[in-house]
């Protein structure tokens, strides 16, 4: 086998970094950019000040379908990442119903409860946390009252 063949070639750091970057971009798009885009589209479809159900239904369907498409795209990138790295790190995870009632003395039986943790798991957890923090910051600090509604009696100072 030649050293330049695809089976023995080590992936370049730039290729791995690019795939991780794509997964990060996709996951942040799923949780932050996707809802913001559909909120913007819905806001531009509303006519007048009376809310209509059609744009809100479109927003619900649009966010859901866009999440599915982004999720499929992220999984394709993740499979490519796993294929070029060839490794999947694991952590030891013992499910509560598999734990020993003897205080952990039976380690041999409990070591089969391993779960794979990969880059996508870490990226998705971090992106969801960022989305929650972003939404909370926007909702509590930036826009504490709904648009078009003046501040209440507590905010009039």
Protein backbone atom coordinates (compact mmCIF):
# COMPACT_ATOMS: atom_id res chain seq x y z
CA UNK A 1 0.00 0.00 0.00
CA UNK A 2 1.36 3.42 -0.90
CA UNK A 3 1.77 6.15 1.67
CA UNK A 4 -0.42 8.58 -0.30
CA UNK A 5 -3.42 6.27 -0.55
CA UNK A 6 -6.65 7.47 1.10
CA UNK A 7 -6.64 4.58 3.58
CA UNK A 8 -3.33 5.62 5.17
CA UNK A 9 -3.57 9.38 4.71
CA UNK A 10 -3.93 11.32 7.94
CA UNK A 11 -6.52 14.08 7.76
CA UNK A 12 -5.18 17.59 7.76
CA UNK A 13 -5.90 19.78 10.75
CA UNK A 14 -7.42 22.35 8.46
CA UNK A 15 -9.90 19.79 7.09
CA UNK A 16 -10.94 18.73 10.59
CA UNK A 17 -11.18 22.35 11.72
CA UNK A 18 -13.29 23.23 8.69
CA UNK A 19 -15.71 20.37 9.40
CA UNK A 20 -15.96 21.34 13.07
CA UNK A 21 -16.55 24.94 11.99
CA UNK A 22 -19.34 23.83 9.67
CA UNK A 23 -20.97 21.85 12.48
CA UNK A 24 -20.73 24.86 14.81
CA UNK A 25 -22.17 27.18 12.16
CA UNK A 26 -24.99 24.74 11.39
CA UNK A 27 -25.92 24.22 15.02
CA UNK A 28 -25.92 27.94 15.80
CA UNK A 29 -27.99 28.50 12.67
CA UNK A 30 -30.46 25.88 13.84
CA UNK A 31 -31.07 27.44 17.24
CA UNK A 32 -30.50 31.16 16.67
CA UNK A 33 -30.56 32.17 12.99
CA UNK A 34 -33.44 29.89 11.95
CA UNK A 35 -36.03 31.26 14.44
CA UNK A 36 -34.82 34.82 13.84
CA UNK A 37 -35.22 34.38 10.08
CA UNK A 38 -38.76 33.01 10.38
CA UNK A 39 -39.73 35.71 12.87
CA UNK A 40 -38.50 38.31 10.38
CA UNK A 41 -40.44 36.65 7.53
CA UNK A 42 -43.58 36.47 9.69
CA UNK A 43 -43.25 40.12 10.71
CA UNK A 44 -43.11 41.17 7.06
CA UNK A 45 -46.13 39.04 6.13
CA UNK A 46 -48.37 40.63 8.77
CA UNK A 47 -50.62 43.37 7.44
CA UNK A 48 -51.92 45.97 9.86
CA UNK A 49 -51.98 45.61 13.60
CA UNK A 50 -54.49 42.75 13.80
CA UNK A 51 -52.62 39.42 13.98
CA UNK A 52 -53.53 36.74 11.46
CA UNK A 53 -53.04 33.02 11.95
CA UNK A 54 -51.57 32.27 8.50
CA UNK A 55 -48.11 33.81 9.01
CA UNK A 56 -47.78 32.21 12.45
CA UNK A 57 -48.62 28.79 11.03
CA UNK A 58 -46.10 29.39 8.26
CA UNK A 59 -43.51 30.32 10.90
CA UNK A 60 -44.16 27.12 12.87
CA UNK A 61 -43.91 24.92 9.78
CA UNK A 62 -40.92 26.88 8.45
CA UNK A 63 -38.91 26.63 11.65
CA UNK A 64 -39.63 22.91 11.93
CA UNK A 65 -38.73 22.08 8.33
CA UNK A 66 -35.62 24.26 8.40
CA UNK A 67 -34.48 22.50 11.58
CA UNK A 68 -34.92 19.12 9.88
CA UNK A 69 -32.92 20.24 6.84
CA UNK A 70 -30.18 21.76 9.00
CA UNK A 71 -30.08 18.64 11.17
CA UNK A 72 -29.65 16.39 8.14
CA UNK A 73 -26.89 18.65 6.79
CA UNK A 74 -25.10 18.67 10.15
CA UNK A 75 -25.30 14.87 10.33
CA UNK A 76 -23.74 14.57 6.85
CA UNK A 77 -20.86 16.81 7.93
CA UNK A 78 -20.53 14.83 11.18
CA UNK A 79 -20.34 11.51 9.33
CA UNK A 80 -17.62 12.97 7.11
CA UNK A 81 -15.75 14.13 10.22
CA UNK A 82 -15.99 10.67 11.80
CA UNK A 83 -14.86 9.03 8.58
CA UNK A 84 -11.72 11.16 8.24
CA UNK A 85 -10.75 10.95 11.92
CA UNK A 86 -11.58 7.27 12.35
CA UNK A 87 -12.00 7.57 16.10
CA UNK A 88 -14.91 8.12 18.43
CA UNK A 89 -14.02 8.82 22.06
CA UNK A 90 -16.19 7.20 24.70
CA UNK A 91 -17.02 8.07 28.26
CA UNK A 92 -18.14 5.77 31.00
CA UNK A 93 -21.85 6.18 31.61
CA UNK A 94 -23.67 3.90 33.96
CA UNK A 95 -27.42 4.28 33.70
CA UNK A 96 -29.20 4.51 37.08
CA UNK A 97 -31.03 1.22 36.65
CA UNK A 98 -27.72 -0.54 35.88
CA UNK A 99 -25.95 0.68 39.03
CA UNK A 100 -25.09 -1.70 41.79
CA UNK A 101 -27.05 -1.48 45.01
CA UNK A 102 -23.86 -2.57 46.82
CA UNK A 103 -22.22 0.85 46.62
CA UNK A 104 -20.24 0.34 43.42
CA UNK A 105 -18.34 -2.78 44.49
CA UNK A 106 -19.32 -4.63 41.33
CA UNK A 107 -17.29 -2.67 38.78
CA UNK A 108 -16.89 -5.52 36.29
CA UNK A 109 -20.63 -5.72 35.52
CA UNK A 110 -21.07 -1.96 35.22
CA UNK A 111 -18.27 -1.18 32.75
CA UNK A 112 -20.34 -2.19 29.73
CA UNK A 113 -22.45 0.97 30.01
CA UNK A 114 -20.32 3.11 27.71
CA UNK A 115 -21.74 5.83 25.52
CA UNK A 116 -19.99 7.48 22.64
CA UNK A 117 -19.39 11.20 22.98
CA UNK A 118 -18.34 12.92 19.81
CA UNK A 119 -17.70 16.42 18.55
CA UNK A 120 -21.31 16.86 17.43
CA UNK A 121 -22.65 16.09 20.92
CA UNK A 122 -20.44 18.76 22.45
CA UNK A 123 -21.22 21.28 19.70
CA UNK A 124 -24.99 20.80 19.97
CA UNK A 125 -25.02 21.10 23.78
CA UNK A 126 -22.96 24.29 23.65
CA UNK A 127 -25.10 25.76 20.85
CA UNK A 128 -28.33 25.07 22.74
CA UNK A 129 -26.87 26.72 25.84
CA UNK A 130 -25.83 29.74 23.75
CA UNK A 131 -29.31 29.92 22.22
CA UNK A 132 -30.97 29.84 25.64
CA UNK A 133 -28.62 32.54 26.96
CA UNK A 134 -29.16 34.66 23.82
CA UNK A 135 -32.95 34.38 24.01
CA UNK A 136 -32.98 35.08 27.74
CA UNK A 137 -30.75 38.11 27.30
CA UNK A 138 -32.91 39.45 24.50
CA UNK A 139 -36.18 38.74 26.32
CA UNK A 140 -35.21 40.03 29.75
CA UNK A 141 -32.75 42.83 29.02
CA UNK A 142 -33.30 44.06 25.47
CA UNK A 143 -37.09 43.71 24.99
CA UNK A 144 -38.77 43.40 28.40
CA UNK A 145 -42.14 44.55 26.98
CA UNK A 146 -43.86 43.41 23.80
CA UNK A 147 -43.44 45.67 20.75
CA UNK A 148 -46.07 48.40 20.53
CA UNK A 149 -46.90 48.21 24.23
CA UNK A 150 -45.68 50.94 26.52
CA UNK A 151 -43.97 50.22 29.80
CA UNK A 152 -46.17 49.21 32.68
CA UNK A 153 -46.50 51.03 35.99
CA UNK A 154 -43.34 49.41 37.40
CA UNK A 155 -41.24 50.57 34.43
CA UNK A 156 -42.46 54.16 34.26
CA UNK A 157 -39.69 55.51 36.52
